[in-house]
Every structure is written in structure tokens, then in C-alpha cells.
Amino acid sequence: MPTLERPGPNAHPNTHPIPTKEPAMLNPPTRSGPLVGLKVLEIGHYIAAPFCTRILADLGAEVIKIEPPGGDPFRGWGAAIDGNSVWFSIHGRNKLSVVLDLKRQRDIALQLAARADVLVENLRAGQLERLGLGPEVLHAANPRLVIARISGYGQDGPYRDRPAFGAIGEAMGGLRHLTGYPTGSTDLPPPRCGISISDDLAGLYAAIGLLSALWQRDASPVARAQGPDAGPGTGRGRIIDVNLVDSVFSLLEGMLPEYAMDGRVRQPVGAAIPTAAPTNTYRCAGGRFLCIAGNSDLIFARLMTAIGRPELAKDPAYATNGDRCARRDELDAVIGNWTATLPAQQAEALLEAADVPCSRLYDIADCAADPHFRARASVQSIDDPLIGPTLHPGPAIRLDGDAPGSVVAWTGPAAGAHTDYVLNTLLRQEGKPR
């Protein structure tokens, strides 16, 4: 367990009031990364849009997050210390927080949009228009603005106006159907995957989409603006439409053409993979689980040798992946009998020595302590002025020359911590006074 000194008596286990105190954060540190100079405006709440902009901010972009009075309601989710969300320490990192009432301070939002390269929003479809900040208004103020819109079902279609959260994306996108166990093995409903995967996927797709639109706007040698002196790029911003359902649906591998072929519908198989065997999760002595992937012919042979059954690797009944899939239950029983005799860590070490892909099922304590995570700065010790010493994940995207340990320039700030700096310093410096 990591050694972290933090206040205990004031820590709240779940919901909590949103803090309003603004610490003195007048000048943000100088940033590094490939997106330095990119100006992003976030009108987002909860997860999808803020996750998208966190990726951009980690890569060096300037992200101004507009929050309503009282702050993003996400600040009230999860554990907290002295009323400050520990999750928001990550979720809001490297962002400038500005509190605006968009119903009364629309003009300020337009000034911020006029200086931005990108606007990312995940309000309910049509809400931006109801605030008087629809794409036509935004592009009138800034024709170069790329607008990334994230919603539950998309900006059109018969379900456009339905409310949605991440669980709905999993359900309608086809993923939740697959996360359970084989039919008849349990009466429990298929579980969610444990994180807000729909929102995270939509955020990733929005980041890809807006970077694509920026390339077309500024650098594409094919798409050019009109005129004799026009250079690369169209010079105009586009609108990106991303939604939770499509983001999940896009990951369903070959299931759609399989259904088109003969009407087959892939069913849940628990921890197994229907197209490869033996690949499953096996209980070890002591109750921990070990995931083993013996997918290829060579790995299967090494696996059988490691568990003391080399004859099975030479048995024609298991010669190909198709043969092994047909006899999945037999192989799972053989492997499960072996893992049941050993603690998970010992079984893992034996298989690693045999070059067989495997891993114990890590919980967050395992991740925080693992030497590989630490060596790559995938787990970083951070001092957050609002919650004290804490841990942050490092960057998933690594670029040579940029130290992964420098990704966190500052932690998620208090709501409105940068309002004065952005409105009275940043805009004034750029000749756009509040």
C-alpha cells in the first residue's frame, strides 16, 4: 500500500458539497507536449467531454473548462477530502477552470470561443442551441472553430432527444449483453464493465475526430481553401458528432457481418474468448484468479509443457485453434486443475518463465505497487493542494523527448480557480477585454 499522508477525519466516502474557495492560482505553469499552442474550450460535465479534454490537456493543449456556478456536478461524485473530489484531481488536471452562468454570460463564452481552436461539449443534444451557442452562432464568431459534440445518441435520428448515461451506451451498444456468463449458468444480470467505458470511448473518438478536423483545416494538402494564394487546409472548422451508443457499437468486432451471414448472435461466454482457446481466467489456490492466454499453436505447446501435460500439445485433437475451441471445456478443466494447486503469484511466475502470456487479476492496490507501472511513471506520486499527497495515472500516449513524469502540470483546481486569470488577464492580453 502506498505511503500517503492525508487528512482522515474529514474524508467523505461518497457524495459531498462542492467547494467554492478559490486558491491563488493566477498564472498556470508553462506547458510542454505536442499540442502546446492548441486552444481548447470545454463546455462539458460529468465524464465524456472532460475525458476528451483531459487527453488534450495532458498532451499540452490549453484547456479552459467552463463550469456552472457551483462547479461541474461531477465534483460531487465519489470519495472526497475536505469536500474536494479525489477523482476530479485527475479529471480536471492541466485545465483552467472558469465559472460562468451561460444563460446570463453567453457573450463571455463567445469571446472564449472566438479565440479557441476547438470547442468540446457533451450537453444533451440541442442544449447548446437553446443557450444561444449553436454551431451557426459559434462559427459566426470564429469560422475556424472545430466543434466536437458528444451526446447519448447523436445529433440526429429518432432517439436524439432521449436522455442517456454511460450505462445506456453499454446496453444499447451491445456490450452489456456480452459481459455476462453463458445462458442458464446464473440468474444475475450481466454486469457493467466496472468503469464508464461508454463515456471514455466517446471521449477518445471525439479527440480523434477533432484532431482529424484540425489537420483538414490547417495542413491537409488535398483539402485547400479557395483562392490563388491559398495554402494547405480548408481554413474552416467542422462539426464532429460522437455519441455513446455508436462508440460502444463500433467495438463489436465481427458480430455484425456474422449476423448478416446467417443470423447468428454472439452470446456471453464469461471469461473465455469464443474465437480462441485456451484463453480464460482460472482460480488459483488462495482464491485469486489468473488470466492465461494460450492463443497460438506455439504458446499452447509451451503452456502444456509448463503445466506438466506436454502430450496434449502433440495430440491431433488439439492441433489447431479451431480444434481447441471445440474442446474448450476439456482444456479449461486441465488448466484449472493445475492452477488450483498453486497460489496465483507462483503460477504466474512459472508461466512467465515459459513465455506464456498471463497475469493475475490486478486490483488498484496491485497497480499502484507494481514495479512496471512505477518504472514507466504510469503511477505517479503527486501533491495536490486541495487533497494533499495522492496518486495519478501517467500518460497512456508517450512521445519521445517528453518525460512522462512531466504530464501533470497541475491537479484539478477548485471551481473557478482561474476565472480572474482567464477573463481579466488572458482575454485582456489578447485584446478581448471582458
Protein backbone atom coordinates (compact mmCIF):
# COMPACT_ATOMS: atom_id res chain seq x y z
CA MET A 1 0.00 0.00 0.00
CA PRO A 2 1.44 3.43 -0.90
CA THR A 3 2.51 5.71 1.92
CA LEU A 4 0.36 8.82 1.64
CA GLU A 5 -0.14 11.39 4.36
CA ARG A 6 -3.61 12.79 4.08
CA PRO A 7 -6.32 14.12 6.38
CA GLY A 8 -8.64 11.36 7.52
CA PRO A 9 -11.43 12.67 9.74
CA ASN A 10 -12.82 14.98 7.06
CA ALA A 11 -12.80 12.46 4.21
CA HIS A 12 -16.27 11.76 2.86
CA PRO A 13 -16.97 8.31 1.36
CA ASN A 14 -19.42 9.27 -1.35
CA THR A 15 -21.33 12.46 -2.12
CA HIS A 16 -20.21 15.81 -0.77
CA PRO A 17 -20.76 19.55 -1.17
CA ILE A 18 -18.84 21.29 -3.94
CA PRO A 19 -16.14 23.62 -2.61
CA THR A 20 -16.28 27.28 -3.62
CA LYS A 21 -12.98 28.54 -2.19
CA GLU A 22 -10.53 29.55 -4.93
CA PRO A 23 -6.84 29.03 -4.16
CA ALA A 24 -4.37 31.56 -5.53
CA MET A 25 -3.62 30.07 -8.96
CA LEU A 26 -3.11 33.18 -11.01
CA ASN A 27 -0.56 32.03 -13.58
CA PRO A 28 -0.53 28.44 -14.83
CA PRO A 29 2.89 26.81 -15.35
CA THR A 30 4.50 26.67 -18.78
CA ARG A 31 3.44 23.52 -20.60
CA SER A 32 5.22 21.05 -22.88
CA GLY A 33 3.94 18.48 -25.34
CA PRO A 34 2.92 18.22 -29.00
CA LEU A 35 -0.32 20.20 -28.55
CA VAL A 36 1.19 23.28 -26.93
CA GLY A 37 -0.46 26.29 -28.56
CA LEU A 38 -3.74 24.48 -29.24
CA LYS A 39 -6.60 26.35 -27.55
CA VAL A 40 -9.50 24.23 -26.35
CA LEU A 41 -12.76 25.38 -24.79
CA GLU A 42 -14.71 22.78 -22.81
CA ILE A 43 -18.41 23.15 -22.10
CA GLY A 44 -18.65 19.75 -20.53
CA HIS A 45 -19.82 17.98 -17.44
CA TYR A 46 -19.58 14.53 -15.91
CA ILE A 47 -17.27 12.30 -17.97
CA ALA A 48 -17.22 12.17 -21.78
CA ALA A 49 -16.23 15.73 -22.78
CA PRO A 50 -13.97 16.26 -19.75
CA PHE A 51 -12.20 12.97 -20.50
CA CYS A 52 -11.63 14.10 -24.09
CA THR A 53 -10.17 17.42 -22.99
CA ARG A 54 -8.06 15.78 -20.30
CA ILE A 55 -6.31 13.81 -23.05
CA LEU A 56 -5.70 17.03 -24.98
CA ALA A 57 -4.53 18.86 -21.85
CA ASP A 58 -2.13 16.05 -20.97
CA LEU A 59 -0.63 16.48 -24.45
CA GLY A 60 0.00 20.17 -23.80
CA ALA A 61 -3.14 21.91 -25.07
CA GLU A 62 -4.52 24.92 -23.22
CA VAL A 63 -7.93 23.79 -21.96
CA ILE A 64 -10.38 26.30 -20.49
CA LYS A 65 -13.17 24.45 -18.73
CA ILE A 66 -16.40 26.41 -18.31
CA GLU A 67 -18.26 25.29 -15.19
CA PRO A 68 -21.65 26.43 -13.94
CA PRO A 69 -21.96 28.29 -10.63
CA GLY A 70 -21.22 25.66 -8.00
CA GLY A 71 -18.99 23.72 -10.39
CA ASP A 72 -19.29 20.66 -12.58
CA PRO A 73 -21.74 18.30 -10.84
CA PHE A 74 -19.14 15.58 -11.34
CA ARG A 75 -17.26 17.18 -8.44
CA GLY A 76 -19.91 15.64 -6.19
CA TRP A 77 -19.14 12.07 -7.28
CA GLY A 78 -17.05 9.60 -5.32
CA ALA A 79 -14.67 9.97 -2.41
CA ALA A 80 -13.64 13.40 -1.20
CA ILE A 81 -11.27 15.10 1.22
CA ASP A 82 -12.48 18.31 2.85
CA GLY A 83 -15.21 18.48 0.20
CA ASN A 84 -12.78 18.15 -2.70
CA SER A 85 -13.31 15.24 -5.09
CA VAL A 86 -10.26 12.99 -5.34
CA TRP A 87 -11.36 11.81 -8.80
CA PHE A 88 -11.52 15.40 -10.02
CA SER A 89 -7.84 15.75 -9.11
CA ILE A 90 -7.25 13.65 -12.25
CA HIS A 91 -10.34 14.62 -14.25
CA GLY A 92 -9.62 18.33 -14.10
CA ARG A 93 -5.83 18.26 -14.22
CA ASN A 94 -3.99 20.67 -16.51
CA LYS A 95 -7.21 22.63 -17.12
CA LEU A 96 -8.12 26.25 -16.40
CA SER A 97 -11.42 26.39 -14.52
CA VAL A 98 -13.75 29.31 -15.26
CA VAL A 99 -17.18 29.64 -13.66
CA LEU A 100 -19.82 31.17 -15.93
CA ASP A 101 -23.60 31.19 -15.97
CA LEU A 102 -24.12 30.53 -19.66
CA LYS A 103 -27.70 31.75 -19.53
CA ARG A 104 -26.50 35.21 -18.42
CA GLN A 105 -22.87 35.31 -19.58
CA ARG A 106 -23.21 33.97 -23.10
CA ASP A 107 -21.17 36.87 -24.52
CA ILE A 108 -18.14 35.89 -22.45
CA ALA A 109 -18.44 32.30 -23.68
CA LEU A 110 -18.49 33.64 -27.25
CA GLN A 111 -15.32 35.66 -26.58
CA LEU A 112 -13.64 32.48 -25.38
CA ALA A 113 -14.90 30.56 -28.40
CA ALA A 114 -13.63 33.30 -30.72
CA ARG A 115 -10.02 32.70 -29.56
CA ALA A 116 -10.27 28.89 -29.46
CA ASP A 117 -9.26 26.26 -31.99
CA VAL A 118 -11.63 23.65 -30.58
CA LEU A 119 -14.82 23.55 -28.54
CA VAL A 120 -15.81 20.26 -26.87
CA GLU A 121 -19.28 19.83 -25.37
CA ASN A 122 -21.39 16.97 -24.06
CA LEU A 123 -24.64 18.68 -23.19
CA ARG A 124 -27.87 16.99 -24.15
CA ALA A 125 -28.50 17.24 -27.90
CA GLY A 126 -29.90 20.68 -28.71
CA GLN A 127 -28.95 22.28 -25.39
CA LEU A 128 -26.11 24.30 -26.91
CA GLU A 129 -28.60 25.80 -29.36
CA ARG A 130 -31.03 26.61 -26.54
CA LEU A 131 -28.25 28.53 -24.82
CA GLY A 132 -27.75 30.59 -27.97
CA LEU A 133 -24.40 28.91 -28.63
CA GLY A 134 -25.24 26.61 -31.53
CA PRO A 135 -22.72 25.90 -34.30
CA GLU A 136 -24.05 28.69 -36.53
CA VAL A 137 -23.54 31.27 -33.78
CA LEU A 138 -20.11 29.87 -32.86
CA HIS A 139 -18.93 29.78 -36.47
CA ALA A 140 -20.15 33.33 -37.00
CA ALA A 141 -17.80 34.34 -34.18
CA ASN A 142 -14.99 32.02 -35.29
CA PRO A 143 -15.23 30.24 -38.68
CA ARG A 144 -12.10 28.22 -37.86
CA LEU A 145 -13.58 26.68 -34.72
CA VAL A 146 -13.73 22.88 -34.64
CA ILE A 147 -16.77 21.82 -32.60
CA ALA A 148 -16.82 18.34 -31.06
CA ARG A 149 -20.27 17.33 -29.85
CA ILE A 150 -20.72 14.28 -27.62
CA SER A 151 -24.21 13.04 -26.76
CA GLY A 152 -26.05 9.88 -25.86
CA TYR A 153 -27.48 9.03 -29.29
CA GLY A 154 -26.11 11.63 -31.70
CA GLN A 155 -27.31 14.95 -33.05
CA ASP A 156 -29.95 13.36 -35.30
CA GLY A 157 -32.04 10.19 -35.50
CA PRO A 158 -35.27 9.21 -33.74
CA TYR A 159 -33.56 8.80 -30.33
CA ARG A 160 -31.73 12.13 -30.47
CA ASP A 161 -33.69 13.71 -27.61
CA ARG A 162 -33.60 10.79 -25.20
CA PRO A 163 -31.56 11.15 -22.01
CA ALA A 164 -28.57 8.84 -21.63
CA PHE A 165 -25.67 7.99 -19.36
CA GLY A 166 -22.79 5.61 -19.90
CA ALA A 167 -24.75 2.54 -18.77
CA ILE A 168 -27.24 3.15 -21.59
CA GLY A 169 -24.40 3.27 -24.12
CA GLU A 170 -23.20 -0.13 -22.90
CA ALA A 171 -26.71 -1.56 -23.02
CA MET A 172 -27.84 -0.33 -26.44
CA GLY A 173 -24.38 -0.55 -27.98
CA GLY A 174 -24.40 -4.33 -27.49
CA LEU A 175 -21.61 -4.62 -24.92
CA ARG A 176 -23.63 -5.32 -21.76
CA HIS A 177 -25.23 -8.36 -23.42
CA LEU A 178 -21.75 -9.89 -23.75
CA THR A 179 -20.36 -9.22 -20.27
CA GLY A 180 -22.31 -11.99 -18.53
CA TYR A 181 -21.97 -15.73 -18.25
CA PRO A 182 -23.40 -18.42 -20.55
CA THR A 183 -27.18 -18.63 -20.61
CA GLY A 184 -28.50 -20.77 -17.79
CA SER A 185 -25.42 -20.52 -15.58
CA THR A 186 -26.78 -17.68 -13.41
CA ASP A 187 -29.91 -15.60 -12.87
CA LEU A 188 -27.90 -12.44 -12.24
CA PRO A 189 -28.00 -9.70 -14.90
CA PRO A 190 -24.88 -9.08 -16.99
CA PRO A 191 -22.63 -6.72 -15.01
CA ARG A 192 -21.25 -3.41 -16.21
CA CYS A 193 -17.57 -3.49 -17.01
CA GLY A 194 -16.68 -1.56 -13.85
CA ILE A 195 -15.80 1.82 -15.38
CA SER A 196 -17.65 4.36 -17.52
CA ILE A 197 -16.45 2.76 -20.73
CA SER A 198 -19.09 4.38 -22.97
CA ASP A 199 -18.12 7.89 -21.90
CA ASP A 200 -14.40 7.15 -22.13
CA LEU A 201 -14.73 5.68 -25.63
CA ALA A 202 -16.78 8.66 -26.80
CA GLY A 203 -14.15 10.99 -25.37
CA LEU A 204 -11.41 9.13 -27.24
CA TYR A 205 -13.36 9.22 -30.51
CA ALA A 206 -14.04 12.93 -30.06
CA ALA A 207 -10.31 13.56 -29.59
CA ILE A 208 -9.51 11.59 -32.76
CA GLY A 209 -12.26 13.39 -34.67
CA LEU A 210 -11.25 16.88 -33.66
CA LEU A 211 -7.56 16.26 -34.38
CA SER A 212 -8.61 14.99 -37.83
CA ALA A 213 -10.65 18.15 -38.37
CA LEU A 214 -7.71 20.29 -37.29
CA TRP A 215 -5.48 18.53 -39.83
CA GLN A 216 -8.02 19.17 -42.58
CA ARG A 217 -8.41 22.79 -41.50
CA ASP A 218 -4.71 23.62 -41.24
CA ALA A 219 -2.49 21.14 -43.02
CA SER A 220 -4.21 18.80 -45.46
CA PRO A 221 -2.52 19.05 -48.90
CA VAL A 222 -5.71 17.75 -50.52
CA ALA A 223 -8.39 19.90 -48.89
CA ARG A 224 -7.49 23.51 -49.71
CA ALA A 225 -9.23 26.82 -49.24
CA GLN A 226 -10.28 28.63 -52.39
CA GLY A 227 -8.13 31.41 -53.82
CA PRO A 228 -4.87 31.88 -55.71
CA ASP A 229 -2.81 32.31 -52.53
CA ALA A 230 -4.49 29.56 -50.53
CA GLY A 231 -2.17 27.22 -48.69
CA PRO A 232 -2.79 23.76 -47.27
CA GLY A 233 -6.03 23.15 -45.42
CA THR A 234 -9.54 24.49 -45.79
CA GLY A 235 -9.17 27.14 -43.11
CA ARG A 236 -12.61 26.29 -41.76
CA GLY A 237 -13.76 24.40 -38.71
CA ARG A 238 -16.05 21.40 -38.85
CA ILE A 239 -18.57 19.80 -36.50
CA ILE A 240 -17.81 16.37 -35.05
CA ASP A 241 -20.79 14.27 -33.94
CA VAL A 242 -19.87 11.48 -31.48
CA ASN A 243 -22.24 9.54 -29.26
CA LEU A 244 -22.06 6.93 -26.52
CA VAL A 245 -24.04 4.22 -28.32
CA ASP A 246 -22.07 4.31 -31.58
CA SER A 247 -18.80 4.43 -29.67
CA VAL A 248 -19.58 1.12 -27.97
CA PHE A 249 -21.20 -0.39 -31.07
CA SER A 250 -18.04 0.27 -33.09
CA LEU A 251 -16.13 -2.23 -30.93
CA LEU A 252 -18.29 -5.27 -31.62
CA GLU A 253 -15.64 -6.87 -33.85
CA GLY A 254 -17.16 -9.21 -36.46
CA MET A 255 -20.57 -9.57 -34.88
CA LEU A 256 -22.50 -7.51 -37.43
CA PRO A 257 -21.26 -9.39 -40.53
CA GLU A 258 -21.66 -12.67 -38.60
CA TYR A 259 -25.31 -11.79 -38.06
CA ALA A 260 -25.70 -10.76 -41.70
CA MET A 261 -24.18 -14.07 -42.80
CA ASP A 262 -26.59 -16.48 -41.18
CA GLY A 263 -28.41 -14.75 -38.33
CA ARG A 264 -26.03 -15.88 -35.61
CA VAL A 265 -25.95 -13.80 -32.44
CA ARG A 266 -22.85 -14.00 -30.29
CA GLN A 267 -23.71 -14.97 -26.73
CA PRO A 268 -21.91 -14.24 -23.46
CA VAL A 269 -19.19 -16.74 -22.59
CA GLY A 270 -17.98 -15.41 -19.24
CA ALA A 271 -14.21 -15.01 -19.03
CA ALA A 272 -13.48 -17.05 -22.15
CA ILE A 273 -12.96 -15.80 -25.71
CA PRO A 274 -15.21 -17.52 -28.26
CA THR A 275 -12.66 -17.32 -31.09
CA ALA A 276 -9.52 -18.55 -29.27
CA ALA A 277 -8.66 -21.32 -26.83
CA PRO A 278 -7.37 -21.88 -24.29
CA THR A 279 -7.91 -18.32 -23.11
CA ASN A 280 -9.69 -17.94 -19.80
CA THR A 281 -9.39 -16.90 -16.17
CA TYR A 282 -8.64 -19.65 -13.68
CA ARG A 283 -8.99 -19.82 -9.90
CA CYS A 284 -5.75 -20.43 -8.02
CA ALA A 285 -5.04 -21.71 -4.54
CA GLY A 286 -5.99 -18.98 -2.10
CA GLY A 287 -8.85 -17.72 -4.26
CA ARG A 288 -7.01 -15.28 -6.56
CA PHE A 289 -7.59 -15.56 -10.32
CA LEU A 290 -5.04 -15.88 -13.11
CA CYS A 291 -5.75 -14.88 -16.71
CA ILE A 292 -3.97 -17.12 -19.23
CA ALA A 293 -3.89 -16.57 -23.00
CA GLY A 294 -2.66 -19.67 -24.83
CA ASN A 295 -3.99 -18.48 -28.16
CA SER A 296 -1.40 -19.57 -30.73
CA ASP A 297 -0.11 -23.06 -31.53
CA LEU A 298 3.37 -22.32 -30.20
CA ILE A 299 2.10 -20.71 -26.99
CA PHE A 300 -0.29 -23.62 -26.46
CA ALA A 301 2.63 -26.05 -26.67
CA ARG A 302 4.62 -24.03 -24.14
CA LEU A 303 1.61 -23.80 -21.83
CA MET A 304 1.02 -27.56 -21.86
CA THR A 305 4.69 -28.20 -21.12
CA ALA A 306 4.65 -25.70 -18.25
CA ILE A 307 1.67 -27.35 -16.55
CA GLY A 308 3.12 -30.84 -16.97
CA ARG A 309 0.92 -32.02 -19.85
CA PRO A 310 3.24 -31.86 -22.89
CA GLU A 311 1.44 -34.79 -24.54
CA LEU A 312 -1.62 -32.61 -25.15
CA ALA A 313 0.42 -30.29 -27.36
CA LYS A 314 1.12 -33.28 -29.65
CA ASP A 315 -2.42 -34.66 -29.57
CA PRO A 316 -4.10 -34.21 -33.01
CA ALA A 317 -7.33 -33.41 -31.17
CA TYR A 318 -5.78 -30.07 -30.14
CA ALA A 319 -3.68 -29.38 -33.23
CA THR A 320 -5.35 -26.13 -34.35
CA ASN A 321 -7.11 -23.23 -32.69
CA GLY A 322 -10.39 -24.49 -34.16
CA ASP A 323 -9.80 -27.92 -32.59
CA ARG A 324 -9.03 -26.33 -29.24
CA CYS A 325 -12.12 -24.10 -29.37
CA ALA A 326 -14.24 -27.21 -29.97
CA ARG A 327 -12.73 -28.78 -26.84
CA ARG A 328 -12.52 -25.63 -24.77
CA ASP A 329 -14.15 -27.13 -21.67
CA GLU A 330 -11.70 -30.06 -21.60
CA LEU A 331 -8.68 -27.76 -21.79
CA ASP A 332 -10.10 -25.33 -19.23
CA ALA A 333 -10.56 -28.23 -16.81
CA VAL A 334 -6.95 -29.38 -17.29
CA ILE A 335 -5.55 -25.89 -16.77
CA GLY A 336 -7.91 -25.13 -13.89
CA ASN A 337 -6.85 -28.31 -12.08
CA TRP A 338 -3.23 -27.12 -12.33
CA THR A 339 -3.83 -23.54 -11.18
CA ALA A 340 -5.91 -24.77 -8.24
CA THR A 341 -2.77 -26.32 -6.75
CA LEU A 342 -0.70 -23.11 -6.75
CA PRO A 343 -1.01 -19.56 -5.43
CA ALA A 344 -1.67 -17.10 -8.25
CA GLN A 345 1.71 -15.39 -7.98
CA GLN A 346 3.60 -18.71 -8.15
CA ALA A 347 1.55 -19.97 -11.12
CA GLU A 348 2.11 -16.63 -12.85
CA ALA A 349 5.88 -16.87 -12.33
CA LEU A 350 6.03 -20.40 -13.76
CA LEU A 351 4.08 -19.40 -16.87
CA GLU A 352 6.10 -16.21 -17.36
CA ALA A 353 9.28 -18.33 -17.26
CA ALA A 354 7.75 -20.45 -20.04
CA ASP A 355 6.91 -17.30 -22.09
CA VAL A 356 3.16 -17.82 -21.77
CA PRO A 357 1.05 -14.60 -21.64
CA CYS A 358 -0.63 -14.42 -18.24
CA SER A 359 -1.48 -12.06 -15.42
CA ARG A 360 -3.12 -12.10 -12.06
CA LEU A 361 -6.29 -10.02 -11.97
CA TYR A 362 -4.90 -6.76 -10.61
CA ASP A 363 -6.89 -4.57 -8.31
CA ILE A 364 -5.91 -0.92 -7.90
CA ALA A 365 -3.56 -1.75 -5.00
CA ASP A 366 -1.68 -4.16 -7.27
CA CYS A 367 -1.41 -1.50 -9.97
CA ALA A 368 -0.17 1.14 -7.52
CA ALA A 369 2.57 -1.15 -6.22
CA ASP A 370 3.68 -2.84 -9.43
CA PRO A 371 7.31 -2.07 -10.39
CA HIS A 372 6.48 -1.87 -14.11
CA PHE A 373 3.81 0.79 -13.53
CA ARG A 374 6.23 2.69 -11.32
CA ALA A 375 9.24 2.39 -13.65
CA ARG A 376 7.23 3.80 -16.57
CA ALA A 377 5.69 6.56 -14.42
CA SER A 378 2.28 5.04 -15.12
CA VAL A 379 1.64 5.60 -11.42
CA GLN A 380 2.86 8.97 -10.20
CA SER A 381 3.05 10.46 -6.71
CA ILE A 382 1.50 13.94 -6.87
CA ASP A 383 1.00 16.70 -4.33
CA ASP A 384 -2.48 18.17 -4.79
CA PRO A 385 -3.03 21.47 -2.95
CA LEU A 386 -6.69 20.59 -2.36
CA ILE A 387 -6.45 16.97 -1.20
CA GLY A 388 -2.78 16.52 -0.26
CA PRO A 389 -0.42 13.76 -1.44
CA THR A 390 -2.13 11.45 -3.93
CA LEU A 391 -1.53 9.20 -6.94
CA HIS A 392 -2.24 9.95 -10.61
CA PRO A 393 -2.04 7.77 -13.72
CA GLY A 394 0.70 8.75 -16.14
CA PRO A 395 0.13 9.32 -19.85
CA ALA A 396 -1.15 6.46 -21.99
CA ILE A 397 0.40 8.20 -25.02
CA ARG A 398 4.20 8.53 -24.87
CA LEU A 399 6.21 10.70 -27.23
CA ASP A 400 9.97 10.65 -27.37
CA GLY A 401 11.51 13.70 -25.77
CA ASP A 402 8.56 14.33 -23.43
CA ALA A 403 9.15 12.90 -19.97
CA PRO A 404 6.03 11.02 -18.77
CA GLY A 405 6.68 12.38 -15.29
CA SER A 406 6.03 15.93 -16.50
CA VAL A 407 2.49 15.29 -17.73
CA VAL A 408 0.80 16.68 -14.60
CA ALA A 409 1.48 20.42 -14.63
CA TRP A 410 -1.24 20.98 -12.02
CA THR A 411 -4.03 18.97 -10.47
CA GLY A 412 -7.75 19.53 -10.85
CA PRO A 413 -8.38 23.04 -9.49
CA ALA A 414 -11.20 24.37 -7.38
CA ALA A 415 -14.23 25.51 -9.36
CA GLY A 416 -13.49 28.91 -10.84
CA ALA A 417 -9.86 28.97 -9.69
CA HIS A 418 -8.79 30.59 -12.97
CA THR A 419 -11.81 32.80 -13.68
CA ASP A 420 -9.98 36.02 -12.90
CA TYR A 421 -6.84 34.99 -14.81
CA VAL A 422 -8.76 33.95 -17.94
CA LEU A 423 -11.23 36.83 -18.07
CA ASN A 424 -9.09 39.68 -16.77
CA THR A 425 -5.60 38.70 -17.85
CA LEU A 426 -5.75 36.25 -20.76
CA LEU A 427 -8.54 37.94 -22.71
CA ARG A 428 -7.16 41.42 -21.98
CA GLN A 429 -3.67 40.42 -23.20
CA GLU A 430 -5.25 39.25 -26.44
CA GLY A 431 -7.17 42.49 -26.89
CA LYS A 432 -10.53 40.97 -25.94
CA PRO A 433 -11.44 42.59 -22.60
CA ARG A 434 -14.23 41.11 -20.58
